[in-house]
C-alpha atoms as a PDB file:
ATOM      1  CA  UNK A   1     110.199  91.885  84.444  1.00  0.00           C
ATOM      2  CA  UNK A   2     113.944  91.806  85.331  1.00  0.00           C
ATOM      3  CA  UNK A   3     115.571  94.724  87.084  1.00  0.00           C
ATOM      4  CA  UNK A   4     117.432  95.588  83.848  1.00  0.00           C
ATOM      5  CA  UNK A   5     114.050  95.814  82.005  1.00  0.00           C
ATOM      6  CA  UNK A   6     112.655  97.750  84.899  1.00  0.00           C
ATOM      7  CA  UNK A   7     115.190 100.422  84.641  1.00  0.00           C
ATOM      8  CA  UNK A   8     114.293 100.891  80.911  1.00  0.00           C
ATOM      9  CA  UNK A   9     110.486 100.607  81.203  1.00  0.00           C
ATOM     10  CA  UNK A  10     109.414 102.115  84.666  1.00  0.00           C
ATOM     11  CA  UNK A  11     109.936 105.741  83.485  1.00  0.00           C
ATOM     12  CA  UNK A  12     107.736 108.725  82.294  1.00  0.00           C
ATOM     13  CA  UNK A  13     104.155 109.571  83.323  1.00  0.00           C
ATOM     14  CA  UNK A  14     102.612 106.883  85.358  1.00  0.00           C
ATOM     15  CA  UNK A  15      99.159 107.066  86.981  1.00  0.00           C
ATOM     16  CA  UNK A  16      98.446 106.390  90.687  1.00  0.00           C
ATOM     17  CA  UNK A  17      95.143 104.978  89.912  1.00  0.00           C
ATOM     18  CA  UNK A  18      91.929 105.558  91.761  1.00  0.00           C
ATOM     19  CA  UNK A  19      89.677 102.905  92.989  1.00  0.00           C
ATOM     20  CA  UNK A  20      86.169 103.408  91.676  1.00  0.00           C
ATOM     21  CA  UNK A  21      83.342 102.309  94.280  1.00  0.00           C
ATOM     22  CA  UNK A  22      79.687 101.945  93.568  1.00  0.00           C
ATOM     23  CA  UNK A  23      77.338 101.645  96.549  1.00  0.00           C
ATOM     24  CA  UNK A  24      80.502 100.754  98.649  1.00  0.00           C
ATOM     25  CA  UNK A  25      81.777  98.146  96.526  1.00  0.00           C
ATOM     26  CA  UNK A  26      84.908  98.151  93.987  1.00  0.00           C
ATOM     27  CA  UNK A  27      83.275  98.827  90.673  1.00  0.00           C
ATOM     28  CA  UNK A  28      85.603  96.821  88.049  1.00  0.00           C
ATOM     29  CA  UNK A  29      83.520  98.055  85.114  1.00  0.00           C
ATOM     30  CA  UNK A  30      84.239 101.671  85.954  1.00  0.00           C
ATOM     31  CA  UNK A  31      87.990 100.749  86.531  1.00  0.00           C
ATOM     32  CA  UNK A  32      87.971  99.139  83.026  1.00  0.00           C
ATOM     33  CA  UNK A  33      86.770 102.295  81.585  1.00  0.00           C
ATOM     34  CA  UNK A  34      89.538 104.293  83.309  1.00  0.00           C
ATOM     35  CA  UNK A  35      92.274 101.893  82.439  1.00  0.00           C
ATOM     36  CA  UNK A  36      91.211 101.621  78.752  1.00  0.00           C
ATOM     37  CA  UNK A  37      91.273 105.533  78.447  1.00  0.00           C
ATOM     38  CA  UNK A  38      94.705 105.721  80.272  1.00  0.00           C
ATOM     39  CA  UNK A  39      96.169 103.372  77.689  1.00  0.00           C
ATOM     40  CA  UNK A  40      94.736 105.102  74.737  1.00  0.00           C
ATOM     41  CA  UNK A  41      95.874 108.459  75.886  1.00  0.00           C
ATOM     42  CA  UNK A  42      99.351 106.960  76.053  1.00  0.00           C
ATOM     43  CA  UNK A  43     100.334 106.705  79.593  1.00  0.00           C
ATOM     44  CA  UNK A  44     103.566 105.137  80.368  1.00  0.00           C
ATOM     45  CA  UNK A  45     102.417 102.945  83.329  1.00  0.00           C
ATOM     46  CA  UNK A  46      99.754 102.273  85.656  1.00  0.00           C
ATOM     47  CA  UNK A  47      99.822 101.916  89.657  1.00  0.00           C
ATOM     48  CA  UNK A  48      96.945 100.527  91.313  1.00  0.00           C
ATOM     49  CA  UNK A  49      96.479 100.016  95.103  1.00  0.00           C
ATOM     50  CA  UNK A  50      98.275 102.669  96.335  1.00  0.00           C
ATOM     51  CA  UNK A  51      97.536 105.910  98.324  1.00  0.00           C
ATOM     52  CA  UNK A  52      95.219 107.339  95.537  1.00  0.00           C
ATOM     53  CA  UNK A  53      93.643 104.035  95.224  1.00  0.00           C
ATOM     54  CA  UNK A  54      92.750 103.779  98.887  1.00  0.00           C
ATOM     55  CA  UNK A  55      94.594 100.752  99.597  1.00  0.00           C
ATOM     56  CA  UNK A  56      94.061 101.018 103.200  1.00  0.00           C
ATOM     57  CA  UNK A  57      90.462 100.291 102.882  1.00  0.00           C
ATOM     58  CA  UNK A  58      90.718  97.577 100.354  1.00  0.00           C
ATOM     59  CA  UNK A  59      90.548  93.769 101.379  1.00  0.00           C
ATOM     60  CA  UNK A  60      92.987  91.269 100.276  1.00  0.00           C
ATOM     61  CA  UNK A  61      90.585  90.030  97.803  1.00  0.00           C
ATOM     62  CA  UNK A  62      89.756  93.350  96.366  1.00  0.00           C
ATOM     63  CA  UNK A  63      93.367  94.203  95.713  1.00  0.00           C
ATOM     64  CA  UNK A  64      94.023  90.993  93.820  1.00  0.00           C
ATOM     65  CA  UNK A  65      90.906  91.565  91.692  1.00  0.00           C
ATOM     66  CA  UNK A  66      91.972  95.041  90.972  1.00  0.00           C
ATOM     67  CA  UNK A  67      95.714  93.898  89.896  1.00  0.00           C
ATOM     68  CA  UNK A  68      94.458  91.089  88.010  1.00  0.00           C
ATOM     69  CA  UNK A  69      92.047  93.567  85.895  1.00  0.00           C
ATOM     70  CA  UNK A  70      95.019  95.931  85.499  1.00  0.00           C
ATOM     71  CA  UNK A  71      97.235  93.155  84.066  1.00  0.00           C
ATOM     72  CA  UNK A  72      94.524  91.982  81.713  1.00  0.00           C
ATOM     73  CA  UNK A  73      93.538  95.266  80.222  1.00  0.00           C
ATOM     74  CA  UNK A  74      97.265  96.266  80.096  1.00  0.00           C
ATOM     75  CA  UNK A  75      98.089  93.267  78.184  1.00  0.00           C
ATOM     76  CA  UNK A  76     101.822  93.999  78.330  1.00  0.00           C
ATOM     77  CA  UNK A  77     101.408  97.453  76.571  1.00  0.00           C
ATOM     78  CA  UNK A  78     102.330  99.407  79.806  1.00  0.00           C
ATOM     79  CA  UNK A  79     103.906  98.073  83.054  1.00  0.00           C
ATOM     80  CA  UNK A  80     101.881  97.496  86.091  1.00  0.00           C
ATOM     81  CA  UNK A  81     103.197  98.635  89.336  1.00  0.00           C
ATOM     82  CA  UNK A  82     101.245  97.314  92.295  1.00  0.00           C
ATOM     83  CA  UNK A  83     101.058  98.871  95.605  1.00  0.00           C
ATOM     84  CA  UNK A  84     101.805  96.380  98.200  1.00  0.00           C
ATOM     85  CA  UNK A  85     103.302  97.915 101.045  1.00  0.00           C
ATOM     86  CA  UNK A  86     102.196  97.802 104.727  1.00  0.00           C
ATOM     87  CA  UNK A  87     103.663  98.423 108.091  1.00  0.00           C
ATOM     88  CA  UNK A  88     104.076  94.755 108.481  1.00  0.00           C
ATOM     89  CA  UNK A  89     107.060  93.060 106.838  1.00  0.00           C
ATOM     90  CA  UNK A  90     105.361  89.661 106.808  1.00  0.00           C
ATOM     91  CA  UNK A  91     102.244  91.082 105.266  1.00  0.00           C
ATOM     92  CA  UNK A  92     104.249  93.165 102.843  1.00  0.00           C
ATOM     93  CA  UNK A  93     105.828  89.949 101.665  1.00  0.00           C
ATOM     94  CA  UNK A  94     102.532  88.266 101.244  1.00  0.00           C
ATOM     95  CA  UNK A  95     100.949  90.958  99.347  1.00  0.00           C
ATOM     96  CA  UNK A  96     103.933  91.358  97.067  1.00  0.00           C
ATOM     97  CA  UNK A  97     104.190  87.667  96.249  1.00  0.00           C
ATOM     98  CA  UNK A  98     100.550  87.613  95.539  1.00  0.00           C
ATOM     99  CA  UNK A  99     100.799  90.523  93.099  1.00  0.00           C
ATOM    100  CA  UNK A 100     103.649  88.894  91.488  1.00  0.00           C
ATOM    101  CA  UNK A 101     101.571  85.752  90.982  1.00  0.00           C
ATOM    102  CA  UNK A 102      98.667  87.658  89.389  1.00  0.00           C
ATOM    103  CA  UNK A 103     101.114  89.291  86.752  1.00  0.00           C
ATOM    104  CA  UNK A 104     102.106  92.615  88.300  1.00  0.00           C
ATOM    105  CA  UNK A 105     105.484  93.790  86.754  1.00  0.00           C
ATOM    106  CA  UNK A 106     106.877  95.483  89.787  1.00  0.00           C
ATOM    107  CA  UNK A 107     105.891  96.427  93.475  1.00  0.00           C
ATOM    108  CA  UNK A 108     105.549  99.886  94.999  1.00  0.00           C
ATOM    109  CA  UNK A 109     106.180  99.557  98.729  1.00  0.00           C
ATOM    110  CA  UNK A 110     105.709 102.413 101.200  1.00  0.00           C
ATOM    111  CA  UNK A 111     108.100 102.694 103.952  1.00  0.00           C
ATOM    112  CA  UNK A 112     106.374 101.240 107.259  1.00  0.00           C
ATOM    113  CA  UNK A 113     104.108 103.659 108.998  1.00  0.00           C
ATOM    114  CA  UNK A 114     102.818 104.176 112.288  1.00  0.00           C
ATOM    115  CA  UNK A 115     105.219 102.013 113.999  1.00  0.00           C
ATOM    116  CA  UNK A 116     107.954 104.687 113.269  1.00  0.00           C
ATOM    117  CA  UNK A 117     111.031 102.221 112.847  1.00  0.00           C
ATOM    118  CA  UNK A 118     114.675 103.383 112.852  1.00  0.00           C
ATOM    119  CA  UNK A 119     116.717 103.686 109.629  1.00  0.00           C
ATOM    120  CA  UNK A 120     118.118 100.341 110.416  1.00  0.00           C
ATOM    121  CA  UNK A 121     114.525  98.870 110.791  1.00  0.00           C
ATOM    122  CA  UNK A 122     113.439 100.272 107.507  1.00  0.00           C
ATOM    123  CA  UNK A 123     116.593  98.847 105.652  1.00  0.00           C
ATOM    124  CA  UNK A 124     115.810  95.476 107.185  1.00  0.00           C
ATOM    125  CA  UNK A 125     112.168  95.650 106.314  1.00  0.00           C
ATOM    126  CA  UNK A 126     113.071  96.204 102.573  1.00  0.00           C
ATOM    127  CA  UNK A 127     115.908  93.735 102.751  1.00  0.00           C
ATOM    128  CA  UNK A 128     113.648  91.084 104.112  1.00  0.00           C
ATOM    129  CA  UNK A 129     110.997  91.768 101.360  1.00  0.00           C
ATOM    130  CA  UNK A 130     113.480  91.603  98.528  1.00  0.00           C
ATOM    131  CA  UNK A 131     114.707  88.447  99.579  1.00  0.00           C
ATOM    132  CA  UNK A 132     111.401  86.825  99.119  1.00  0.00           C
ATOM    133  CA  UNK A 133     110.061  88.893  96.040  1.00  0.00           C
ATOM    134  CA  UNK A 134     111.216  88.250  92.637  1.00  0.00           C
ATOM    135  CA  UNK A 135     109.759  91.238  90.905  1.00  0.00           C
ATOM    136  CA  UNK A 136     111.559  94.691  90.828  1.00  0.00           C
ATOM    137  CA  UNK A 137     110.589  97.010  93.977  1.00  0.00           C
ATOM    138  CA  UNK A 138     110.162 100.617  93.947  1.00  0.00           C
ATOM    139  CA  UNK A 139     110.635 102.148  97.350  1.00  0.00           C
ATOM    140  CA  UNK A 140     107.960 104.834  98.084  1.00  0.00           C
ATOM    141  CA  UNK A 141     109.097 107.593 100.599  1.00  0.00           C
ATOM    142  CA  UNK A 142     106.148 109.690 101.741  1.00  0.00           C
ATOM    143  CA  UNK A 143     107.091 111.075 105.190  1.00  0.00           C
ATOM    144  CA  UNK A 144     103.914 113.329 105.547  1.00  0.00           C
ATOM    145  CA  UNK A 145     101.850 110.042 105.654  1.00  0.00           C
ATOM    146  CA  UNK A 146     104.228 107.567 107.233  1.00  0.00           C
ATOM    147  CA  UNK A 147     105.943 109.769 109.917  1.00  0.00           C
ATOM    148  CA  UNK A 148     109.425 108.423 108.812  1.00  0.00           C
ATOM    149  CA  UNK A 149     111.693 109.856 106.335  1.00  0.00           C
ATOM    150  CA  UNK A 150     114.004 107.622 104.333  1.00  0.00           C
ATOM    151  CA  UNK A 151     117.506 109.139 104.705  1.00  0.00           C
ATOM    152  CA  UNK A 152     119.829 109.160 101.754  1.00  0.00           C
ATOM    153  CA  UNK A 153     122.309 106.957 103.585  1.00  0.00           C
ATOM    154  CA  UNK A 154     119.689 104.360 103.989  1.00  0.00           C
ATOM    155  CA  UNK A 155     118.611 104.615 100.342  1.00  0.00           C
ATOM    156  CA  UNK A 156     122.122 104.270  99.136  1.00  0.00           C
ATOM    157  CA  UNK A 157     122.213 100.982 101.294  1.00  0.00           C
ATOM    158  CA  UNK A 158     118.988  99.857  99.781  1.00  0.00           C
ATOM    159  CA  UNK A 159     120.072 100.422  96.004  1.00  0.00           C
ATOM    160  CA  UNK A 160     122.762  97.868  96.506  1.00  0.00           C
ATOM    161  CA  UNK A 161     120.208  95.164  96.612  1.00  0.00           C
ATOM    162  CA  UNK A 162     119.449  93.937  93.080  1.00  0.00           C
ATOM    163  CA  UNK A 163     115.990  93.757  92.894  1.00  0.00           C
ATOM    164  CA  UNK A 164     115.440  97.408  94.640  1.00  0.00           C
ATOM    165  CA  UNK A 165     115.511  99.526  91.327  1.00  0.00           C
ATOM    166  CA  UNK A 166     114.214 102.795  92.290  1.00  0.00           C
ATOM    167  CA  UNK A 167     112.359 105.040  94.588  1.00  0.00           C
ATOM    168  CA  UNK A 168     109.248 107.073  94.477  1.00  0.00           C
ATOM    169  CA  UNK A 169     109.900 110.447  96.370  1.00  0.00           C
ATOM    170  CA  UNK A 170     106.920 112.331  97.525  1.00  0.00           C
ATOM    171  CA  UNK A 171     108.779 114.707  99.917  1.00  0.00           C
ATOM    172  CA  UNK A 172     108.263 117.449  97.257  1.00  0.00           C
ATOM    173  CA  UNK A 173     112.099 118.329  97.869  1.00  0.00           C
ATOM    174  CA  UNK A 174     113.823 118.462  94.445  1.00  0.00           C
ATOM    175  CA  UNK A 175     117.067 119.046  95.921  1.00  0.00           C
ATOM    176  CA  UNK A 176     117.130 115.505  97.497  1.00  0.00           C
ATOM    177  CA  UNK A 177     117.741 114.371  94.030  1.00  0.00           C
ATOM    178  CA  UNK A 178     120.634 116.335  93.478  1.00  0.00           C
ATOM    179  CA  UNK A 179     122.200 115.044  96.859  1.00  0.00           C
ATOM    180  CA  UNK A 180     122.266 111.497  95.443  1.00  0.00           C
ATOM    181  CA  UNK A 181     125.824 110.312  94.188  1.00  0.00           C
ATOM    182  CA  UNK A 182     125.814 110.546  90.323  1.00  0.00           C
ATOM    183  CA  UNK A 183     126.425 107.004  89.976  1.00  0.00           C
ATOM    184  CA  UNK A 184     123.397 106.161  91.984  1.00  0.00           C
ATOM    185  CA  UNK A 185     121.383 108.327  89.979  1.00  0.00           C
ATOM    186  CA  UNK A 186     122.336 106.681  86.771  1.00  0.00           C
ATOM    187  CA  UNK A 187     121.354 103.236  87.865  1.00  0.00           C
ATOM    188  CA  UNK A 188     118.421 103.868  90.219  1.00  0.00           C
ATOM    189  CA  UNK A 189     114.897 104.905  88.969  1.00  0.00           C
ATOM    190  CA  UNK A 190     114.324 108.184  90.722  1.00  0.00           C
ATOM    191  CA  UNK A 191     110.414 108.947  90.456  1.00  0.00           C
ATOM    192  CA  UNK A 192     108.758 112.109  91.694  1.00  0.00           C
ATOM    193  CA  UNK A 193     105.639 111.352  93.678  1.00  0.00           C
ATOM    194  CA  UNK A 194     104.489 114.904  93.779  1.00  0.00           C
ATOM    195  CA  UNK A 195     102.773 116.688  90.789  1.00  0.00           C
ATOM    196  CA  UNK A 196     103.367 120.163  91.966  1.00  0.00           C
ATOM    197  CA  UNK A 197     107.184 119.794  91.758  1.00  0.00           C
ATOM    198  CA  UNK A 198     107.400 117.059  89.074  1.00  0.00           C
ATOM    199  CA  UNK A 199     108.753 119.497  86.440  1.00  0.00           C
ATOM    200  CA  UNK A 200     111.625 120.412  88.512  1.00  0.00           C
ATOM    201  CA  UNK A 201     112.393 116.991  89.706  1.00  0.00           C
ATOM    202  CA  UNK A 202     112.415 115.541  86.255  1.00  0.00           C
ATOM    203  CA  UNK A 203     114.580 118.308  84.817  1.00  0.00           C
ATOM    204  CA  UNK A 204     117.197 117.729  87.744  1.00  0.00           C
ATOM    205  CA  UNK A 205     117.638 113.922  86.653  1.00  0.00           C
ATOM    206  CA  UNK A 206     114.386 112.316  87.576  1.00  0.00           C
ATOM    207  CA  UNK A 207     113.051 109.447  85.254  1.00  0.00           C
ATOM    208  CA  UNK A 208     109.439 110.106  85.650  1.00  0.00           C
ATOM    209  CA  UNK A 209     106.481 110.601  88.035  1.00  0.00           C
ATOM    210  CA  UNK A 210     103.744 108.490  89.650  1.00  0.00           C
ATOM    211  CA  UNK A 211     101.069 110.995  89.178  1.00  0.00           C
ATOM    212  CA  UNK A 212      97.702 111.864  90.613  1.00  0.00           C
ATOM    213  CA  UNK A 213      96.759 114.568  88.001  1.00  0.00           C
ATOM    214  CA  UNK A 214      97.504 112.016  85.168  1.00  0.00           C
ATOM    215  CA  UNK A 215      94.172 110.268  86.215  1.00  0.00           C
ATOM    216  CA  UNK A 216      92.480 113.098  84.573  1.00  0.00           C
ATOM    217  CA  UNK A 217      95.191 114.532  82.277  1.00  0.00           C
ATOM    218  CA  UNK A 218      97.270 111.590  81.065  1.00  0.00           C
ATOM    219  CA  UNK A 219      98.206 112.771  77.532  1.00  0.00           C
ATOM    220  CA  UNK A 220      99.465 116.202  78.824  1.00  0.00           C
ATOM    221  CA  UNK A 221     101.621 114.344  81.594  1.00  0.00           C
ATOM    222  CA  UNK A 222     103.313 112.290  78.906  1.00  0.00           C
ATOM    223  CA  UNK A 223     103.815 115.168  76.816  1.00  0.00           C
ATOM    224  CA  UNK A 224     105.646 116.973  79.975  1.00  0.00           C
ATOM    225  CA  UNK A 225     107.837 114.044  80.419  1.00  0.00           C
ATOM    226  CA  UNK A 226     108.772 113.360  76.850  1.00  0.00           C
ATOM    227  CA  UNK A 227     109.815 117.017  76.724  1.00  0.00           C
ATOM    228  CA  UNK A 228     111.867 116.344  79.749  1.00  0.00           C
ATOM    229  CA  UNK A 229     113.606 113.491  78.499  1.00  0.00           C
ATOM    230  CA  UNK A 230     114.404 115.126  75.176  1.00  0.00           C
ATOM    231  CA  UNK A 231     115.829 118.210  77.010  1.00  0.00           C
ATOM    232  CA  UNK A 232     113.018 120.612  75.893  1.00  0.00           C
ATOM    233  CA  UNK A 233     112.751 122.225  79.188  1.00  0.00           C
ATOM    234  CA  UNK A 234     110.884 125.251  77.876  1.00  0.00           C
ATOM    235  CA  UNK A 235     108.117 123.074  76.608  1.00  0.00           C
ATOM    236  CA  UNK A 236     107.912 120.992  79.708  1.00  0.00           C
ATOM    237  CA  UNK A 237     107.656 123.965  81.787  1.00  0.00           C
ATOM    238  CA  UNK A 238     104.938 125.421  79.733  1.00  0.00           C
ATOM    239  CA  UNK A 239     102.897 122.225  80.018  1.00  0.00           C
ATOM    240  CA  UNK A 240     103.417 121.872  83.572  1.00  0.00           C
ATOM    241  CA  UNK A 241     102.411 125.546  84.170  1.00  0.00           C
ATOM    242  CA  UNK A 242      99.011 124.911  82.321  1.00  0.00           C
ATOM    243  CA  UNK A 243      98.138 121.958  84.725  1.00  0.00           C
ATOM    244  CA  UNK A 244      99.359 123.959  87.763  1.00  0.00           C
ATOM    245  CA  UNK A 245      95.841 125.230  88.483  1.00  0.00           C
ATOM    246  CA  UNK A 246      94.337 121.767  88.480  1.00  0.00           C
ATOM    247  CA  UNK A 247      97.249 120.336  90.367  1.00  0.00           C
ATOM    248  CA  UNK A 248      96.647 122.778  93.101  1.00  0.00           C
ATOM    249  CA  UNK A 249      92.885 121.878  93.193  1.00  0.00           C
ATOM    250  CA  UNK A 250      93.499 118.484  93.557  1.00  0.00           C
ATOM    251  CA  UNK A 251      95.417 119.143  96.789  1.00  0.00           C
ATOM    252  CA  UNK A 252      92.788 121.069  98.494  1.00  0.00           C
ATOM    253  CA  UNK A 253      91.356 117.960 100.316  1.00  0.00           C
ATOM    254  CA  UNK A 254      92.813 114.551 101.192  1.00  0.00           C
ATOM    255  CA  UNK A 255      93.867 112.466  98.026  1.00  0.00           C
ATOM    256  CA  UNK A 256      91.879 110.954  96.413  1.00  0.00           C
ATOM    257  CA  UNK A 257      88.696 112.913  97.068  1.00  0.00           C
ATOM    258  CA  UNK A 258      89.543 115.721  94.797  1.00  0.00           C
ATOM    259  CA  UNK A 259      90.645 113.516  91.837  1.00  0.00           C
ATOM    260  CA  UNK A 260      87.897 111.339  91.975  1.00  0.00           C
ATOM    261  CA  UNK A 261      85.387 114.240  91.672  1.00  0.00           C
ATOM    262  CA  UNK A 262      87.602 115.472  88.791  1.00  0.00           C
ATOM    263  CA  UNK A 263      87.246 111.851  87.119  1.00  0.00           C
ATOM    264  CA  UNK A 264      83.432 112.101  87.745  1.00  0.00           C
ATOM    265  CA  UNK A 265      83.460 115.222  85.515  1.00  0.00           C
ATOM    266  CA  UNK A 266      85.782 113.774  82.894  1.00  0.00           C
ATOM    267  CA  UNK A 267      84.529 110.334  82.516  1.00  0.00           C
ATOM    268  CA  UNK A 268      81.556 110.061  84.678  1.00  0.00           C
ATOM    269  CA  UNK A 269      82.975 107.940  87.051  1.00  0.00           C
ATOM    270  CA  UNK A 270      81.624 107.471  90.577  1.00  0.00           C
ATOM    271  CA  UNK A 271      83.333 110.144  93.008  1.00  0.00           C
ATOM    272  CA  UNK A 272      82.597 107.939  96.057  1.00  0.00           C
ATOM    273  CA  UNK A 273      85.183 107.325  98.673  1.00  0.00           C
ATOM    274  CA  UNK A 274      85.244 104.865 101.587  1.00  0.00           C
ATOM    275  CA  UNK A 275      85.274 106.077 105.185  1.00  0.00           C
ATOM    276  CA  UNK A 276      87.165 107.435 106.949  1.00  0.00           C
ATOM    277  CA  UNK A 277      87.317 109.679 103.544  1.00  0.00           C
ATOM    278  CA  UNK A 278      84.131 111.814 103.112  1.00  0.00           C
ATOM    279  CA  UNK A 279      82.563 113.284  99.982  1.00  0.00           C
ATOM    280  CA  UNK A 280      84.102 116.552  98.447  1.00  0.00           C
ATOM    281  CA  UNK A 281      83.229 119.865  99.753  1.00  0.00           C
ATOM    282  CA  UNK A 282      81.281 122.217  97.409  1.00  0.00           C
ATOM    283  CA  UNK A 283      83.878 124.777  97.257  1.00  0.00           C
ATOM    284  CA  UNK A 284      86.548 122.231  96.412  1.00  0.00           C
ATOM    285  CA  UNK A 285      84.178 120.898  93.621  1.00  0.00           C
ATOM    286  CA  UNK A 286      83.849 124.341  92.054  1.00  0.00           C
ATOM    287  CA  UNK A 287      87.427 124.879  92.054  1.00  0.00           C
ATOM    288  CA  UNK A 288      88.385 121.605  90.371  1.00  0.00           C
ATOM    289  CA  UNK A 289      85.537 122.191  87.740  1.00  0.00           C
ATOM    290  CA  UNK A 290      86.897 125.558  87.161  1.00  0.00           C
ATOM    291  CA  UNK A 291      90.531 124.461  86.850  1.00  0.00           C
ATOM    292  CA  UNK A 292      89.371 121.490  84.508  1.00  0.00           C
ATOM    293  CA  UNK A 293      87.439 123.841  82.244  1.00  0.00           C
ATOM    294  CA  UNK A 294      90.212 126.287  81.870  1.00  0.00           C
ATOM    295  CA  UNK A 295      92.800 123.341  81.156  1.00  0.00           C
ATOM    296  CA  UNK A 296      90.598 121.899  78.424  1.00  0.00           C
ATOM    297  CA  UNK A 297      90.139 125.160  76.662  1.00  0.00           C
ATOM    298  CA  UNK A 298      93.788 125.013  75.902  1.00  0.00           C
ATOM    299  CA  UNK A 299      92.738 122.705  72.994  1.00  0.00           C
ATOM    300  CA  UNK A 300      94.979 119.855  74.020  1.00  0.00           C
ATOM    301  CA  UNK A 301      92.259 117.254  74.014  1.00  0.00           C
ATOM    302  CA  UNK A 302      93.700 115.956  77.117  1.00  0.00           C
ATOM    303  CA  UNK A 303      90.142 115.652  78.637  1.00  0.00           C
ATOM    304  CA  UNK A 304      86.648 115.236  77.598  1.00  0.00           C
ATOM    305  CA  UNK A 305      85.498 118.689  77.409  1.00  0.00           C
ATOM    306  CA  UNK A 306      81.810 117.926  76.386  1.00  0.00           C
ATOM    307  CA  UNK A 307      81.163 115.898  79.408  1.00  0.00           C
ATOM    308  CA  UNK A 308      82.960 118.607  81.616  1.00  0.00           C
ATOM    309  CA  UNK A 309      80.909 121.162  80.368  1.00  0.00           C
ATOM    310  CA  UNK A 310      77.641 119.297  80.769  1.00  0.00           C
ATOM    311  CA  UNK A 311      78.411 118.127  84.254  1.00  0.00           C
ATOM    312  CA  UNK A 312      76.569 120.325  87.064  1.00  0.00           C
ATOM    313  CA  UNK A 313      79.060 121.789  89.480  1.00  0.00           C
ATOM    314  CA  UNK A 314      77.249 120.081  92.414  1.00  0.00           C
ATOM    315  CA  UNK A 315      76.413 116.992  90.893  1.00  0.00           C
ATOM    316  CA  UNK A 316      76.503 113.830  93.232  1.00  0.00           C
ATOM    317  CA  UNK A 317      78.099 115.869  96.054  1.00  0.00           C
END
C-alpha cells in the first residue's frame, strides 16, 4: 500500500483486535472466527498485535502468525495495520519489516515507552524506522501508557516524512485535533484511539477510530463513522449515545480484560488473558453483560443476542 492509497483506505471504523488464548496459547481458530465475523459485519480495517492484542506478551513468532492469518482471512478486502512498535528503535524496525514481508498493509507504531525519550528522541526514532520500512506508518500517541506525550510540533515534523501518513491519538482530548494546521489535517490521517470521545473527534475532522468496542459492535461503529463522514451528525451522535454504556463498561478494568469477556458473551471466544493481566472481576462482568443486552435490545443486529442471553453472568470467571 502506498502512502496515497493509505490516505484513502485507512479510515472509518477499524478494530483493535484481541488475541484469543486457550490454555495459555494463541488460539488461531478462535481468531479466525473473530476475523470472519468482523469482515462480514463490514468493518473498515483490522489492527492486530496492538495494546488490545496484548502485544507485550506475544513472542516474535506469535506476532507473525497472527499477522499472517489476518492477511490471509482479509484477502485484500480490508487493510491490515499491524502493531509493530516497541521502545527499541532497532527492534521496531525488525518487527515492522517482518510485518511488511508477511503482507501487512501498514504499521501502527507506538511512541517509545518506559525510557521516556525527549521530543527529539521521538522524532529520530520514527525517522529511523521510516527510513527502513516501506509500508505506511501510523504514529500511536497514548501518553497514559507510554509516559510521554507527542507534541504538536513533533507531529508536524513527522508529517513531513512521506511514509508517515497519520496518527492514532488516544489522549481523549478532541481539542488537539483542532490545534493542527488545516493543511496538515487535510493530508494527514487523524484517527481516534479513544472510543468514549470518538464521536467528537470525528465530527471535528478525524478520519476514523482504531476501536476497542468495535470488537463486539463492529456494525454500529461502521454506521457511526459513515454518518460522520456524510455530515449526519445527529445520526452519528445517536449511535454513539447508544454505545456509551458498553464503552464505559469496557473501561472498568485494564484493556483488554473487559472486551475479551464481552467477546466471550457475544461469540463464545475465550476470555483468557496472559499475566500480568488477570481474570475479570464479577462486578465488571455483570456491568458488561447488562450493557450488551441493553444495546442489543435496540434491534440493530450488531451482536448475537441469542448467545448473550444464554451465557451465564459468571461463566468462566
